[in-house]
Amino acid sequence: MFIAGTEFEGLSLNDIIKKTQGKEDKSAIFNNAAQVFNHTFYWNSMQSNGGGRPTGKIAQKITQAFGDYSKFIEAFSSATAT
């Protein structure tokens, strides 16, 4: 389909996003791949026992940037409302 016969055929969604991010000539591929990722992430988070507090590297990055998870939630909520 969209990537058939291209250098991206057979790559994982994450690899496609990484290889196209910031490349103006690949923006259509990036946008479509990122939308699939976002929708998949969203719906997986909505399932029973889905979502929850992040763990691992992302949890560490949140703590580094915001101090703790509750401050991240506060900043994220404020950003989405404004």
C-alpha atoms as a PDB file:
ATOM      1  CA  MET A   1       0.000   0.000   0.000  1.00  0.00           C
ATOM      2  CA  PHE A   2       1.511   3.316   1.097  1.00  0.00           C
ATOM      3  CA  ILE A   3       5.002   1.895   1.703  1.00  0.00           C
ATOM      4  CA  ALA A   4       4.914  -1.089  -0.662  1.00  0.00           C
ATOM      5  CA  GLY A   5       8.066  -1.129  -2.739  1.00  0.00           C
ATOM      6  CA  THR A   6       9.783   1.540  -0.617  1.00  0.00           C
ATOM      7  CA  GLU A   7      12.706   1.336   1.767  1.00  0.00           C
ATOM      8  CA  PHE A   8      10.161   1.176   4.612  1.00  0.00           C
ATOM      9  CA  GLU A   9       8.418  -2.009   3.524  1.00  0.00           C
ATOM     10  CA  GLY A  10       8.907  -4.678   6.179  1.00  0.00           C
ATOM     11  CA  LEU A  11      10.026  -2.252   8.908  1.00  0.00           C
ATOM     12  CA  SER A  12       8.272  -1.980  12.237  1.00  0.00           C
ATOM     13  CA  LEU A  13       6.020   0.994  12.855  1.00  0.00           C
ATOM     14  CA  ASN A  14       8.521   2.402  15.356  1.00  0.00           C
ATOM     15  CA  ASP A  15      11.365   2.114  12.843  1.00  0.00           C
ATOM     16  CA  ILE A  16       9.318   3.860  10.161  1.00  0.00           C
ATOM     17  CA  ILE A  17       8.589   6.715  12.549  1.00  0.00           C
ATOM     18  CA  LYS A  18      12.253   7.006  13.548  1.00  0.00           C
ATOM     19  CA  LYS A  19      13.501   6.957   9.947  1.00  0.00           C
ATOM     20  CA  THR A  20      11.002   9.540   8.661  1.00  0.00           C
ATOM     21  CA  GLN A  21      10.831  12.005  11.564  1.00  0.00           C
ATOM     22  CA  GLY A  22      12.025  15.456  10.564  1.00  0.00           C
ATOM     23  CA  LYS A  23      12.424  14.593   6.875  1.00  0.00           C
ATOM     24  CA  GLU A  24      10.267  16.934   4.818  1.00  0.00           C
ATOM     25  CA  ASP A  25      10.161  14.604   1.825  1.00  0.00           C
ATOM     26  CA  LYS A  26       8.918  11.771   4.072  1.00  0.00           C
ATOM     27  CA  SER A  27       6.357  13.797   6.047  1.00  0.00           C
ATOM     28  CA  ALA A  28       3.338  11.961   4.616  1.00  0.00           C
ATOM     29  CA  ILE A  29       4.756   8.603   5.668  1.00  0.00           C
ATOM     30  CA  PHE A  30       5.711   9.985   9.093  1.00  0.00           C
ATOM     31  CA  ASN A  31       2.277  11.523   9.654  1.00  0.00           C
ATOM     32  CA  ASN A  32       0.444   8.335   8.739  1.00  0.00           C
ATOM     33  CA  ALA A  33       2.741   6.114  10.815  1.00  0.00           C
ATOM     34  CA  ALA A  34       2.532   8.444  13.818  1.00  0.00           C
ATOM     35  CA  GLN A  35      -1.273   8.489  13.600  1.00  0.00           C
ATOM     36  CA  VAL A  36      -1.403   4.694  13.613  1.00  0.00           C
ATOM     37  CA  PHE A  37       0.940   4.643  16.621  1.00  0.00           C
ATOM     38  CA  ASN A  38      -1.118   7.249  18.502  1.00  0.00           C
ATOM     39  CA  HIS A  39      -4.432   5.515  17.879  1.00  0.00           C
ATOM     40  CA  THR A  40      -3.045   2.098  18.811  1.00  0.00           C
ATOM     41  CA  PHE A  41      -1.503   3.509  21.986  1.00  0.00           C
ATOM     42  CA  TYR A  42      -4.738   5.286  22.919  1.00  0.00           C
ATOM     43  CA  TRP A  43      -6.984   2.257  22.460  1.00  0.00           C
ATOM     44  CA  ASN A  44      -4.568  -0.072  24.239  1.00  0.00           C
ATOM     45  CA  SER A  45      -4.586   2.340  27.172  1.00  0.00           C
ATOM     46  CA  MET A  46      -8.391   2.206  27.289  1.00  0.00           C
ATOM     47  CA  GLN A  47      -8.570  -1.570  27.772  1.00  0.00           C
ATOM     48  CA  SER A  48      -9.070  -3.206  31.164  1.00  0.00           C
ATOM     49  CA  ASN A  49      -5.901  -2.736  33.173  1.00  0.00           C
ATOM     50  CA  GLY A  50      -4.523  -0.620  30.327  1.00  0.00           C
ATOM     51  CA  GLY A  51      -2.568   2.555  30.806  1.00  0.00           C
ATOM     52  CA  GLY A  52      -1.415   3.264  34.310  1.00  0.00           C
ATOM     53  CA  ARG A  53       1.758   4.923  35.406  1.00  0.00           C
ATOM     54  CA  PRO A  54       4.647   4.697  32.985  1.00  0.00           C
ATOM     55  CA  THR A  55       7.655   2.590  33.905  1.00  0.00           C
ATOM     56  CA  GLY A  56      11.242   2.297  32.797  1.00  0.00           C
ATOM     57  CA  LYS A  57      12.960   4.971  30.732  1.00  0.00           C
ATOM     58  CA  ILE A  58       9.830   7.046  30.128  1.00  0.00           C
ATOM     59  CA  ALA A  59       9.149   7.188  33.887  1.00  0.00           C
ATOM     60  CA  GLN A  60      12.729   8.327  34.448  1.00  0.00           C
ATOM     61  CA  LYS A  61      12.389  11.037  31.790  1.00  0.00           C
ATOM     62  CA  ILE A  62       9.134  12.279  33.339  1.00  0.00           C
ATOM     63  CA  THR A  63      10.777  12.491  36.756  1.00  0.00           C
ATOM     64  CA  GLN A  64      13.773  14.341  35.284  1.00  0.00           C
ATOM     65  CA  ALA A  65      11.590  16.836  33.441  1.00  0.00           C
ATOM     66  CA  PHE A  66       8.779  17.392  35.954  1.00  0.00           C
ATOM     67  CA  GLY A  67      10.045  16.232  39.339  1.00  0.00           C
ATOM     68  CA  ASP A  68       7.437  13.517  39.736  1.00  0.00           C
ATOM     69  CA  TYR A  69       4.472  11.921  37.996  1.00  0.00           C
ATOM     70  CA  SER A  70       1.817  14.084  39.677  1.00  0.00           C
ATOM     71  CA  LYS A  71       3.526  17.266  38.439  1.00  0.00           C
ATOM     72  CA  PHE A  72       3.616  15.782  34.939  1.00  0.00           C
ATOM     73  CA  ILE A  73      -0.137  15.068  35.085  1.00  0.00           C
ATOM     74  CA  GLU A  74      -0.772  18.627  36.267  1.00  0.00           C
ATOM     75  CA  ALA A  75       1.337  20.150  33.443  1.00  0.00           C
ATOM     76  CA  PHE A  76      -0.170  17.823  30.836  1.00  0.00           C
ATOM     77  CA  SER A  77      -3.732  18.593  31.965  1.00  0.00           C
ATOM     78  CA  SER A  78      -3.033  22.323  31.870  1.00  0.00           C
ATOM     79  CA  ALA A  79      -1.518  22.082  28.385  1.00  0.00           C
ATOM     80  CA  THR A  80      -4.477  20.156  27.020  1.00  0.00           C
ATOM     81  CA  ALA A  81      -6.936  22.673  28.474  1.00  0.00           C
ATOM     82  CA  THR A  82      -5.148  25.654  26.995  1.00  0.00           C
END
